[in-house]
Amino acid sequence: MAEIVKKATRESFGETLVELGRDNQDIVVLVADLADATKVENFGKAYPDRFIECGIAEGNMVGVAAGLASCGKIPFATSFAMFSAGRAFEQVRNSVGYPHLNVKIVGSHAGISVGEDGATHQCCEDIALMRSIPGMVVLNPADHYEMKAAVKAAVEYKGPVYLRLGRLAVESCNNNDDYSFEIGKGITLREGSDITVIATGLMVGEAIKAVDSLAAQGINARLIDMHTVKPLDQELVIKAAKETGHIVTVEEHNIIGGLGEAVAACLCENCPAPLTRMGVKDVFGHSGPAVDLLKEFGLCAEGIEETVKKILK
């Protein structure tokens, strides 16, 4: 069993890039004036000739990344999700997605947990935007170990990848020795037959607390860590729907266009089943302490537990 680690996934991302950069000379990191916030400053110190500061020009950064990819490099274009997925959307679509180039778009500080930065920076639309680009893989790792595995998988994958990073420190949950990461394959963290909770990113840790609390009350909820939102593990979703009935999705993202809609489409086309989507319900966030905001939006263990109880009642 690996050590329990509590840190933000953006930190794990930065550490892993440095590690992989030692042996892979093709990895190049581009940043838009946010090296410290996205935790790639150490990559720049270790490999200054493979670190490009593009300034506050995210569209240009993605264009440069596309050029590097066309020359055989593996560029990571990093910024806040609001900028790498939002401001640079046209360049990501036309310069990376359309030619299907091997560029890794990195969106840090995603979701409500950005906290005090407020609504303008709390990007809850990035997964929807990136899912809409043909051929784009969308990864939203839950913890330290999953982020390390996801970065490695992104490097090995030949094609465009969107990688979502969190600002808030979270306790690791994928510590078990048999943990295995594969793009497009969800992980069943808890078995159960009464209902299924499918969570992604930061919400996986909260869902674990909720499911364990429910188990102590005699409610056996299955829990799936869906680290890959696209391509979705449809086989796992269908299996859960057939065996447990009701599905609850939990995401730190707008319920429009995110994990919930991906699961809804899968169920409608393959195995109709009741679905409840937990997430940001088509509203903007606002400034405040991250933990308090998550509770306000119901994106916490207590909110998940209460939702499951209401469904089963």
C-alpha atoms as a PDB file:
ATOM      1  CA  MET A   1       0.000   0.000   0.000  1.00  0.00           C
ATOM      2  CA  ALA A   2       1.454   3.342  -1.055  1.00  0.00           C
ATOM      3  CA  GLU A   3       1.764   6.235   1.377  1.00  0.00           C
ATOM      4  CA  ILE A   4      -1.246   8.534   1.733  1.00  0.00           C
ATOM      5  CA  VAL A   5      -0.312  11.881   0.228  1.00  0.00           C
ATOM      6  CA  LYS A   6      -2.224  15.143   0.550  1.00  0.00           C
ATOM      7  CA  LYS A   7      -1.411  17.700  -2.107  1.00  0.00           C
ATOM      8  CA  ALA A   8      -2.956  19.541  -5.026  1.00  0.00           C
ATOM      9  CA  THR A   9      -2.935  17.637  -8.300  1.00  0.00           C
ATOM     10  CA  ARG A  10      -1.194  20.611  -9.943  1.00  0.00           C
ATOM     11  CA  GLU A  11       1.798  19.914  -7.677  1.00  0.00           C
ATOM     12  CA  SER A  12       1.819  16.245  -8.653  1.00  0.00           C
ATOM     13  CA  PHE A  13       1.640  17.300 -12.297  1.00  0.00           C
ATOM     14  CA  GLY A  14       4.702  19.539 -11.981  1.00  0.00           C
ATOM     15  CA  GLU A  15       6.721  16.881 -10.156  1.00  0.00           C
ATOM     16  CA  THR A  16       5.900  14.218 -12.728  1.00  0.00           C
ATOM     17  CA  LEU A  17       6.890  16.406 -15.667  1.00  0.00           C
ATOM     18  CA  VAL A  18      10.327  16.915 -14.131  1.00  0.00           C
ATOM     19  CA  GLU A  19      10.700  13.159 -13.598  1.00  0.00           C
ATOM     20  CA  LEU A  20       9.610  12.241 -17.127  1.00  0.00           C
ATOM     21  CA  GLY A  21      11.681  15.023 -18.646  1.00  0.00           C
ATOM     22  CA  ARG A  22      14.921  13.375 -17.509  1.00  0.00           C
ATOM     23  CA  ASP A  23      14.552  10.462 -19.903  1.00  0.00           C
ATOM     24  CA  ASN A  24      12.314  11.958 -22.571  1.00  0.00           C
ATOM     25  CA  GLN A  25      14.049  14.795 -24.379  1.00  0.00           C
ATOM     26  CA  ASP A  26      10.973  15.439 -26.528  1.00  0.00           C
ATOM     27  CA  ILE A  27       8.893  16.832 -23.657  1.00  0.00           C
ATOM     28  CA  VAL A  28       8.613  20.610 -23.900  1.00  0.00           C
ATOM     29  CA  VAL A  29       6.661  22.832 -21.510  1.00  0.00           C
ATOM     30  CA  LEU A  30       5.027  26.080 -22.551  1.00  0.00           C
ATOM     31  CA  VAL A  31       3.471  28.470 -20.045  1.00  0.00           C
ATOM     32  CA  ALA A  32       1.500  31.701 -20.238  1.00  0.00           C
ATOM     33  CA  ASP A  33       2.950  33.726 -17.345  1.00  0.00           C
ATOM     34  CA  LEU A  34       1.732  31.241 -14.700  1.00  0.00           C
ATOM     35  CA  ALA A  35       4.726  28.966 -14.113  1.00  0.00           C
ATOM     36  CA  ASP A  36       4.437  29.121 -10.322  1.00  0.00           C
ATOM     37  CA  ALA A  37       0.674  28.630 -10.197  1.00  0.00           C
ATOM     38  CA  THR A  38       0.710  25.689 -12.626  1.00  0.00           C
ATOM     39  CA  LYS A  39       3.772  24.214 -10.856  1.00  0.00           C
ATOM     40  CA  VAL A  40       5.994  23.938 -13.926  1.00  0.00           C
ATOM     41  CA  GLU A  41       8.671  26.331 -12.681  1.00  0.00           C
ATOM     42  CA  ASN A  42      10.888  23.415 -11.592  1.00  0.00           C
ATOM     43  CA  PHE A  43      10.736  21.950 -15.092  1.00  0.00           C
ATOM     44  CA  GLY A  44      11.995  25.294 -16.365  1.00  0.00           C
ATOM     45  CA  LYS A  45      14.863  25.277 -13.873  1.00  0.00           C
ATOM     46  CA  ALA A  46      15.812  21.692 -14.713  1.00  0.00           C
ATOM     47  CA  TYR A  47      15.458  21.954 -18.490  1.00  0.00           C
ATOM     48  CA  PRO A  48      15.600  25.647 -19.485  1.00  0.00           C
ATOM     49  CA  ASP A  49      16.154  24.808 -23.158  1.00  0.00           C
ATOM     50  CA  ARG A  50      12.793  22.956 -23.202  1.00  0.00           C
ATOM     51  CA  PHE A  51      10.808  25.585 -21.329  1.00  0.00           C
ATOM     52  CA  ILE A  52       9.075  28.394 -23.217  1.00  0.00           C
ATOM     53  CA  GLU A  53       7.501  31.380 -21.483  1.00  0.00           C
ATOM     54  CA  CYS A  54       4.910  32.718 -23.913  1.00  0.00           C
ATOM     55  CA  GLY A  55       3.561  35.517 -21.740  1.00  0.00           C
ATOM     56  CA  ILE A  56      -0.119  36.319 -21.439  1.00  0.00           C
ATOM     57  CA  ALA A  57      -0.894  35.116 -24.954  1.00  0.00           C
ATOM     58  CA  GLU A  58      -2.579  31.746 -24.607  1.00  0.00           C
ATOM     59  CA  GLY A  59      -3.699  31.471 -28.221  1.00  0.00           C
ATOM     60  CA  ASN A  60      -0.156  32.059 -29.404  1.00  0.00           C
ATOM     61  CA  MET A  61       1.102  29.497 -26.859  1.00  0.00           C
ATOM     62  CA  VAL A  62      -1.158  26.832 -28.342  1.00  0.00           C
ATOM     63  CA  GLY A  63       0.024  27.755 -31.840  1.00  0.00           C
ATOM     64  CA  VAL A  64       3.647  27.377 -30.790  1.00  0.00           C
ATOM     65  CA  ALA A  65       2.794  24.032 -29.170  1.00  0.00           C
ATOM     66  CA  ALA A  66       1.186  22.880 -32.429  1.00  0.00           C
ATOM     67  CA  GLY A  67       4.341  23.799 -34.329  1.00  0.00           C
ATOM     68  CA  LEU A  68       6.518  21.887 -31.879  1.00  0.00           C
ATOM     69  CA  ALA A  69       4.266  18.830 -32.135  1.00  0.00           C
ATOM     70  CA  SER A  70       4.518  18.906 -35.919  1.00  0.00           C
ATOM     71  CA  CYS A  71       8.291  18.647 -35.457  1.00  0.00           C
ATOM     72  CA  GLY A  72       8.056  15.555 -33.265  1.00  0.00           C
ATOM     73  CA  LYS A  73       8.067  17.169 -29.820  1.00  0.00           C
ATOM     74  CA  ILE A  74       5.577  16.460 -26.990  1.00  0.00           C
ATOM     75  CA  PRO A  75       4.471  19.921 -25.870  1.00  0.00           C
ATOM     76  CA  PHE A  76       2.508  20.649 -22.699  1.00  0.00           C
ATOM     77  CA  ALA A  77       0.702  23.995 -23.053  1.00  0.00           C
ATOM     78  CA  THR A  78      -0.135  25.079 -19.507  1.00  0.00           C
ATOM     79  CA  SER A  79      -2.317  27.791 -18.016  1.00  0.00           C
ATOM     80  CA  PHE A  80      -5.475  28.200 -15.949  1.00  0.00           C
ATOM     81  CA  ALA A  81      -8.361  26.187 -17.398  1.00  0.00           C
ATOM     82  CA  MET A  82     -10.242  29.423 -18.069  1.00  0.00           C
ATOM     83  CA  PHE A  83      -7.454  30.455 -20.436  1.00  0.00           C
ATOM     84  CA  SER A  84      -6.051  27.251 -21.950  1.00  0.00           C
ATOM     85  CA  ALA A  85      -9.485  25.759 -22.632  1.00  0.00           C
ATOM     86  CA  GLY A  86     -11.505  28.980 -22.746  1.00  0.00           C
ATOM     87  CA  ARG A  87      -9.551  31.877 -24.181  1.00  0.00           C
ATOM     88  CA  ALA A  88      -7.529  29.665 -26.533  1.00  0.00           C
ATOM     89  CA  PHE A  89     -10.438  27.468 -27.650  1.00  0.00           C
ATOM     90  CA  GLU A  90     -10.219  28.454 -31.317  1.00  0.00           C
ATOM     91  CA  GLN A  91      -6.512  27.636 -31.488  1.00  0.00           C
ATOM     92  CA  VAL A  92      -6.999  24.361 -29.613  1.00  0.00           C
ATOM     93  CA  ARG A  93      -9.761  23.392 -32.053  1.00  0.00           C
ATOM     94  CA  ASN A  94      -8.158  24.486 -35.316  1.00  0.00           C
ATOM     95  CA  SER A  95      -4.410  24.187 -34.655  1.00  0.00           C
ATOM     96  CA  VAL A  96      -4.418  21.077 -32.443  1.00  0.00           C
ATOM     97  CA  GLY A  97      -7.714  19.206 -32.779  1.00  0.00           C
ATOM     98  CA  TYR A  98      -8.280  19.532 -36.540  1.00  0.00           C
ATOM     99  CA  PRO A  99      -4.806  18.219 -37.535  1.00  0.00           C
ATOM    100  CA  HIS A 100      -4.904  15.808 -34.544  1.00  0.00           C
ATOM    101  CA  LEU A 101      -1.510  16.913 -33.258  1.00  0.00           C
ATOM    102  CA  ASN A 102       0.288  15.456 -30.256  1.00  0.00           C
ATOM    103  CA  VAL A 103      -0.276  18.462 -27.977  1.00  0.00           C
ATOM    104  CA  LYS A 104      -1.207  18.226 -24.305  1.00  0.00           C
ATOM    105  CA  ILE A 105      -3.451  21.108 -23.223  1.00  0.00           C
ATOM    106  CA  VAL A 106      -3.266  21.624 -19.459  1.00  0.00           C
ATOM    107  CA  GLY A 107      -5.986  23.438 -17.519  1.00  0.00           C
ATOM    108  CA  SER A 108      -5.078  24.228 -13.933  1.00  0.00           C
ATOM    109  CA  HIS A 109      -7.222  25.939 -11.276  1.00  0.00           C
ATOM    110  CA  ALA A 110     -10.426  24.453 -12.676  1.00  0.00           C
ATOM    111  CA  GLY A 111     -13.799  24.470 -10.945  1.00  0.00           C
ATOM    112  CA  ILE A 112     -15.343  26.182  -7.938  1.00  0.00           C
ATOM    113  CA  SER A 113     -12.392  25.253  -5.686  1.00  0.00           C
ATOM    114  CA  VAL A 114     -10.335  28.074  -7.215  1.00  0.00           C
ATOM    115  CA  GLY A 115     -12.039  29.909  -4.358  1.00  0.00           C
ATOM    116  CA  GLU A 116     -11.201  33.537  -3.819  1.00  0.00           C
ATOM    117  CA  ASP A 117     -10.268  34.131  -7.470  1.00  0.00           C
ATOM    118  CA  GLY A 118     -14.011  34.279  -8.160  1.00  0.00           C
ATOM    119  CA  ALA A 119     -16.328  33.543 -11.057  1.00  0.00           C
ATOM    120  CA  THR A 120     -14.066  34.854 -13.821  1.00  0.00           C
ATOM    121  CA  HIS A 121     -11.433  32.231 -12.957  1.00  0.00           C
ATOM    122  CA  GLN A 122     -13.674  29.387 -11.711  1.00  0.00           C
ATOM    123  CA  CYS A 123     -13.867  27.552 -15.013  1.00  0.00           C
ATOM    124  CA  CYS A 124     -16.745  25.084 -14.891  1.00  0.00           C
ATOM    125  CA  GLU A 125     -17.070  24.809 -18.662  1.00  0.00           C
ATOM    126  CA  ASP A 126     -13.665  23.419 -19.689  1.00  0.00           C
ATOM    127  CA  ILE A 127     -14.633  19.734 -19.829  1.00  0.00           C
ATOM    128  CA  ALA A 128     -17.628  20.590 -22.018  1.00  0.00           C
ATOM    129  CA  LEU A 129     -15.442  22.644 -24.360  1.00  0.00           C
ATOM    130  CA  MET A 130     -12.731  20.025 -24.671  1.00  0.00           C
ATOM    131  CA  ARG A 131     -15.223  17.138 -25.033  1.00  0.00           C
ATOM    132  CA  SER A 132     -16.687  18.926 -28.034  1.00  0.00           C
ATOM    133  CA  ILE A 133     -13.416  18.774 -30.000  1.00  0.00           C
ATOM    134  CA  PRO A 134     -13.239  15.638 -32.171  1.00  0.00           C
ATOM    135  CA  GLY A 135     -10.458  13.268 -31.103  1.00  0.00           C
ATOM    136  CA  MET A 136      -9.615  15.108 -27.884  1.00  0.00           C
ATOM    137  CA  VAL A 137      -8.966  12.920 -24.828  1.00  0.00           C
ATOM    138  CA  VAL A 138     -10.186  14.509 -21.571  1.00  0.00           C
ATOM    139  CA  LEU A 139      -8.503  13.468 -18.315  1.00  0.00           C
ATOM    140  CA  ASN A 140      -9.528  14.618 -14.836  1.00  0.00           C
ATOM    141  CA  PRO A 141      -7.377  12.772 -12.248  1.00  0.00           C
ATOM    142  CA  ALA A 142      -8.534  12.503  -8.643  1.00  0.00           C
ATOM    143  CA  ASP A 143      -5.339  12.560  -6.586  1.00  0.00           C
ATOM    144  CA  HIS A 144      -1.547  12.533  -6.469  1.00  0.00           C
ATOM    145  CA  TYR A 145      -1.053   8.989  -7.733  1.00  0.00           C
ATOM    146  CA  GLU A 146      -3.672   9.260 -10.432  1.00  0.00           C
ATOM    147  CA  MET A 147      -2.218  12.518 -11.698  1.00  0.00           C
ATOM    148  CA  LYS A 148       1.257  11.001 -11.955  1.00  0.00           C
ATOM    149  CA  ALA A 149      -0.155   8.058 -13.897  1.00  0.00           C
ATOM    150  CA  ALA A 150      -2.253  10.338 -16.104  1.00  0.00           C
ATOM    151  CA  VAL A 151       0.707  12.538 -17.070  1.00  0.00           C
ATOM    152  CA  LYS A 152       2.722   9.458 -18.005  1.00  0.00           C
ATOM    153  CA  ALA A 153      -0.218   8.115 -20.030  1.00  0.00           C
ATOM    154  CA  ALA A 154      -0.630  11.477 -21.770  1.00  0.00           C
ATOM    155  CA  VAL A 155       3.033  11.433 -22.801  1.00  0.00           C
ATOM    156  CA  GLU A 156       2.694   7.921 -24.203  1.00  0.00           C
ATOM    157  CA  TYR A 157      -0.577   8.670 -26.029  1.00  0.00           C
ATOM    158  CA  LYS A 158      -0.138   9.964 -29.574  1.00  0.00           C
ATOM    159  CA  GLY A 159      -2.711  12.696 -30.044  1.00  0.00           C
ATOM    160  CA  PRO A 160      -4.345  15.690 -28.338  1.00  0.00           C
ATOM    161  CA  VAL A 161      -5.080  15.434 -24.622  1.00  0.00           C
ATOM    162  CA  TYR A 162      -6.734  17.840 -22.204  1.00  0.00           C
ATOM    163  CA  LEU A 163      -5.492  17.410 -18.635  1.00  0.00           C
ATOM    164  CA  ARG A 164      -7.409  19.053 -15.783  1.00  0.00           C
ATOM    165  CA  LEU A 165      -5.527  20.142 -12.636  1.00  0.00           C
ATOM    166  CA  GLY A 166      -6.870  21.222  -9.259  1.00  0.00           C
ATOM    167  CA  ARG A 167      -5.726  23.995  -6.936  1.00  0.00           C
ATOM    168  CA  LEU A 168      -7.020  22.523  -3.668  1.00  0.00           C
ATOM    169  CA  ALA A 169      -4.933  19.949  -1.782  1.00  0.00           C
ATOM    170  CA  VAL A 170      -6.664  16.553  -1.653  1.00  0.00           C
ATOM    171  CA  GLU A 171      -5.842  13.317   0.153  1.00  0.00           C
ATOM    172  CA  SER A 172      -4.822  10.447  -2.094  1.00  0.00           C
ATOM    173  CA  CYS A 173      -7.288   7.594  -2.502  1.00  0.00           C
ATOM    174  CA  ASN A 174      -5.639   5.477  -5.195  1.00  0.00           C
ATOM    175  CA  ASN A 175      -2.932   4.119  -2.879  1.00  0.00           C
ATOM    176  CA  ASN A 176      -3.527   0.406  -3.356  1.00  0.00           C
ATOM    177  CA  ASP A 177      -0.708  -1.695  -4.810  1.00  0.00           C
ATOM    178  CA  ASP A 178      -2.854  -3.051  -7.650  1.00  0.00           C
ATOM    179  CA  TYR A 179      -3.820   0.437  -8.884  1.00  0.00           C
ATOM    180  CA  SER A 180      -3.686   0.626 -12.666  1.00  0.00           C
ATOM    181  CA  PHE A 181      -4.379   3.618 -14.912  1.00  0.00           C
ATOM    182  CA  GLU A 182      -5.590   3.260 -18.460  1.00  0.00           C
ATOM    183  CA  ILE A 183      -7.049   6.012 -20.619  1.00  0.00           C
ATOM    184  CA  GLY A 184     -10.750   5.336 -21.132  1.00  0.00           C
ATOM    185  CA  LYS A 185     -11.089   2.843 -18.271  1.00  0.00           C
ATOM    186  CA  GLY A 186     -12.794   3.879 -15.021  1.00  0.00           C
ATOM    187  CA  ILE A 187     -11.883   2.363 -11.661  1.00  0.00           C
ATOM    188  CA  THR A 188     -14.349   0.767  -9.243  1.00  0.00           C
ATOM    189  CA  LEU A 189     -13.256   1.947  -5.794  1.00  0.00           C
ATOM    190  CA  ARG A 190     -16.172   0.482  -3.828  1.00  0.00           C
ATOM    191  CA  GLU A 191     -18.481  -2.377  -4.736  1.00  0.00           C
ATOM    192  CA  GLY A 192     -22.211  -2.016  -4.084  1.00  0.00           C
ATOM    193  CA  SER A 193     -25.611  -3.090  -5.338  1.00  0.00           C
ATOM    194  CA  ASP A 194     -28.048  -0.398  -4.122  1.00  0.00           C
ATOM    195  CA  ILE A 195     -26.939   2.543  -6.287  1.00  0.00           C
ATOM    196  CA  THR A 196     -23.841   3.739  -8.185  1.00  0.00           C
ATOM    197  CA  VAL A 197     -21.945   6.985  -7.672  1.00  0.00           C
ATOM    198  CA  ILE A 198     -19.662   7.990 -10.550  1.00  0.00           C
ATOM    199  CA  ALA A 199     -17.272  10.780  -9.609  1.00  0.00           C
ATOM    200  CA  THR A 200     -14.399  12.542 -11.351  1.00  0.00           C
ATOM    201  CA  GLY A 201     -11.477  14.676 -10.207  1.00  0.00           C
ATOM    202  CA  LEU A 202     -11.702  16.393  -6.837  1.00  0.00           C
ATOM    203  CA  MET A 203     -15.118  14.865  -6.198  1.00  0.00           C
ATOM    204  CA  VAL A 204     -13.761  11.311  -5.966  1.00  0.00           C
ATOM    205  CA  GLY A 205     -12.354  11.935  -2.494  1.00  0.00           C
ATOM    206  CA  GLU A 206     -15.626  13.423  -1.302  1.00  0.00           C
ATOM    207  CA  ALA A 207     -17.573  10.546  -2.831  1.00  0.00           C
ATOM    208  CA  ILE A 208     -15.434   8.019  -0.949  1.00  0.00           C
ATOM    209  CA  LYS A 209     -16.332   9.668   2.365  1.00  0.00           C
ATOM    210  CA  ALA A 210     -20.006   9.677   1.422  1.00  0.00           C
ATOM    211  CA  VAL A 211     -20.090   6.060   0.255  1.00  0.00           C
ATOM    212  CA  ASP A 212     -18.221   4.834   3.349  1.00  0.00           C
ATOM    213  CA  SER A 213     -20.643   6.721   5.598  1.00  0.00           C
ATOM    214  CA  LEU A 214     -23.592   5.225   3.729  1.00  0.00           C
ATOM    215  CA  ALA A 215     -22.100   1.739   4.126  1.00  0.00           C
ATOM    216  CA  ALA A 216     -22.029   2.217   7.885  1.00  0.00           C
ATOM    217  CA  GLN A 217     -25.783   2.892   7.662  1.00  0.00           C
ATOM    218  CA  GLY A 218     -26.469  -0.249   5.654  1.00  0.00           C
ATOM    219  CA  ILE A 219     -26.576   1.380   2.203  1.00  0.00           C
ATOM    220  CA  ASN A 220     -24.267  -0.347  -0.267  1.00  0.00           C
ATOM    221  CA  ALA A 221     -23.310   2.172  -2.924  1.00  0.00           C
ATOM    222  CA  ARG A 222     -20.933   1.349  -5.733  1.00  0.00           C
ATOM    223  CA  LEU A 223     -18.304   4.011  -6.414  1.00  0.00           C
ATOM    224  CA  ILE A 224     -16.549   4.552  -9.727  1.00  0.00           C
ATOM    225  CA  ASP A 225     -13.597   6.897 -10.247  1.00  0.00           C
ATOM    226  CA  MET A 226     -14.085   8.120 -13.829  1.00  0.00           C
ATOM    227  CA  HIS A 227     -10.725   9.788 -14.425  1.00  0.00           C
ATOM    228  CA  THR A 228     -11.284   9.793 -18.197  1.00  0.00           C
ATOM    229  CA  VAL A 229     -14.361  11.772 -19.204  1.00  0.00           C
ATOM    230  CA  LYS A 230     -13.614  11.218 -22.890  1.00  0.00           C
ATOM    231  CA  PRO A 231     -13.492   8.520 -24.100  1.00  0.00           C
ATOM    232  CA  LEU A 232     -15.989   7.430 -21.452  1.00  0.00           C
ATOM    233  CA  ASP A 233     -15.830   3.887 -20.101  1.00  0.00           C
ATOM    234  CA  GLN A 234     -19.277   2.970 -21.423  1.00  0.00           C
ATOM    235  CA  GLU A 235     -18.884  -0.707 -20.563  1.00  0.00           C
ATOM    236  CA  LEU A 236     -18.414   0.135 -16.882  1.00  0.00           C
ATOM    237  CA  VAL A 237     -21.360   2.561 -16.887  1.00  0.00           C
ATOM    238  CA  ILE A 238     -23.700   0.060 -18.532  1.00  0.00           C
ATOM    239  CA  LYS A 239     -22.622  -2.685 -16.127  1.00  0.00           C
ATOM    240  CA  ALA A 240     -23.333  -0.421 -13.142  1.00  0.00           C
ATOM    241  CA  ALA A 241     -26.742   0.583 -14.517  1.00  0.00           C
ATOM    242  CA  LYS A 242     -27.766  -3.035 -15.056  1.00  0.00           C
ATOM    243  CA  GLU A 243     -26.577  -4.183 -11.631  1.00  0.00           C
ATOM    244  CA  THR A 244     -27.506  -1.233  -9.394  1.00  0.00           C
ATOM    245  CA  GLY A 245     -30.164   0.747 -11.249  1.00  0.00           C
ATOM    246  CA  HIS A 246     -29.893   4.441 -10.347  1.00  0.00           C
ATOM    247  CA  ILE A 247     -26.698   6.339 -11.244  1.00  0.00           C
ATOM    248  CA  VAL A 248     -25.455   9.523  -9.551  1.00  0.00           C
ATOM    249  CA  THR A 249     -22.704  11.539 -11.247  1.00  0.00           C
ATOM    250  CA  VAL A 250     -20.624  14.029  -9.261  1.00  0.00           C
ATOM    251  CA  GLU A 251     -18.367  16.636 -10.854  1.00  0.00           C
ATOM    252  CA  GLU A 252     -16.857  20.011 -10.023  1.00  0.00           C
ATOM    253  CA  HIS A 253     -18.128  21.328 -13.332  1.00  0.00           C
ATOM    254  CA  ASN A 254     -21.345  22.542 -14.884  1.00  0.00           C
ATOM    255  CA  ILE A 255     -23.811  19.666 -15.201  1.00  0.00           C
ATOM    256  CA  ILE A 256     -24.233  20.857 -18.794  1.00  0.00           C
ATOM    257  CA  GLY A 257     -21.614  19.278 -21.040  1.00  0.00           C
ATOM    258  CA  GLY A 258     -19.617  17.424 -18.410  1.00  0.00           C
ATOM    259  CA  LEU A 259     -19.445  13.943 -16.910  1.00  0.00           C
ATOM    260  CA  GLY A 260     -23.176  13.848 -16.190  1.00  0.00           C
ATOM    261  CA  GLU A 261     -24.142  14.477 -19.802  1.00  0.00           C
ATOM    262  CA  ALA A 262     -21.572  11.948 -21.048  1.00  0.00           C
ATOM    263  CA  VAL A 263     -23.074   9.303 -18.755  1.00  0.00           C
ATOM    264  CA  ALA A 264     -26.615  10.367 -19.732  1.00  0.00           C
ATOM    265  CA  ALA A 265     -25.859   9.869 -23.426  1.00  0.00           C
ATOM    266  CA  CYS A 266     -24.352   6.455 -22.713  1.00  0.00           C
ATOM    267  CA  LEU A 267     -27.402   5.343 -20.717  1.00  0.00           C
ATOM    268  CA  CYS A 268     -29.960   6.668 -23.205  1.00  0.00           C
ATOM    269  CA  GLU A 269     -28.317   4.897 -26.119  1.00  0.00           C
ATOM    270  CA  ASN A 270     -27.432   1.627 -24.409  1.00  0.00           C
ATOM    271  CA  CYS A 271     -29.193   0.986 -21.110  1.00  0.00           C
ATOM    272  CA  PRO A 272     -31.889   3.467 -19.997  1.00  0.00           C
ATOM    273  CA  ALA A 273     -31.668   3.979 -16.232  1.00  0.00           C
ATOM    274  CA  PRO A 274     -32.485   6.754 -13.717  1.00  0.00           C
ATOM    275  CA  LEU A 275     -29.721   9.374 -13.479  1.00  0.00           C
ATOM    276  CA  THR A 276     -29.090  12.225 -11.038  1.00  0.00           C
ATOM    277  CA  ARG A 277     -26.417  14.770 -11.979  1.00  0.00           C
ATOM    278  CA  MET A 278     -24.594  16.564  -9.173  1.00  0.00           C
ATOM    279  CA  GLY A 279     -22.450  19.540 -10.123  1.00  0.00           C
ATOM    280  CA  VAL A 280     -22.681  23.255 -10.742  1.00  0.00           C
ATOM    281  CA  LYS A 281     -26.255  23.740 -11.906  1.00  0.00           C
ATOM    282  CA  ASP A 282     -25.945  26.191 -14.799  1.00  0.00           C
ATOM    283  CA  VAL A 283     -24.790  29.131 -12.670  1.00  0.00           C
ATOM    284  CA  PHE A 284     -21.567  31.069 -12.190  1.00  0.00           C
ATOM    285  CA  GLY A 285     -19.535  30.738  -9.019  1.00  0.00           C
ATOM    286  CA  HIS A 286     -18.395  33.549  -6.775  1.00  0.00           C
ATOM    287  CA  SER A 287     -15.484  34.427  -4.533  1.00  0.00           C
ATOM    288  CA  GLY A 288     -14.998  32.631  -1.224  1.00  0.00           C
ATOM    289  CA  PRO A 289     -12.963  29.973   0.612  1.00  0.00           C
ATOM    290  CA  ALA A 290     -12.758  26.853  -1.554  1.00  0.00           C
ATOM    291  CA  VAL A 291     -14.101  24.368   1.016  1.00  0.00           C
ATOM    292  CA  ASP A 292     -17.019  26.645   1.903  1.00  0.00           C
ATOM    293  CA  LEU A 293     -17.914  27.120  -1.761  1.00  0.00           C
ATOM    294  CA  LEU A 294     -17.899  23.384  -2.410  1.00  0.00           C
ATOM    295  CA  LYS A 295     -20.297  22.877   0.495  1.00  0.00           C
ATOM    296  CA  GLU A 296     -22.512  25.711  -0.720  1.00  0.00           C
ATOM    297  CA  PHE A 297     -22.823  24.026  -4.113  1.00  0.00           C
ATOM    298  CA  GLY A 298     -23.447  20.639  -2.508  1.00  0.00           C
ATOM    299  CA  LEU A 299     -20.159  19.283  -3.846  1.00  0.00           C
ATOM    300  CA  CYS A 300     -19.061  17.612  -0.637  1.00  0.00           C
ATOM    301  CA  ALA A 301     -19.406  14.278   1.143  1.00  0.00           C
ATOM    302  CA  GLU A 302     -22.491  15.460   3.038  1.00  0.00           C
ATOM    303  CA  GLY A 303     -24.172  16.644  -0.150  1.00  0.00           C
ATOM    304  CA  ILE A 304     -23.524  13.352  -1.933  1.00  0.00           C
ATOM    305  CA  GLU A 305     -24.731  11.318   1.041  1.00  0.00           C
ATOM    306  CA  GLU A 306     -27.927  13.365   1.338  1.00  0.00           C
ATOM    307  CA  THR A 307     -28.638  13.026  -2.389  1.00  0.00           C
ATOM    308  CA  VAL A 308     -28.244   9.235  -2.315  1.00  0.00           C
ATOM    309  CA  LYS A 309     -30.525   8.936   0.718  1.00  0.00           C
ATOM    310  CA  LYS A 310     -33.236  11.015  -0.954  1.00  0.00           C
ATOM    311  CA  ILE A 311     -33.076   8.878  -4.083  1.00  0.00           C
ATOM    312  CA  LEU A 312     -33.314   5.603  -2.191  1.00  0.00           C
ATOM    313  CA  LYS A 313     -36.081   6.910   0.078  1.00  0.00           C
END
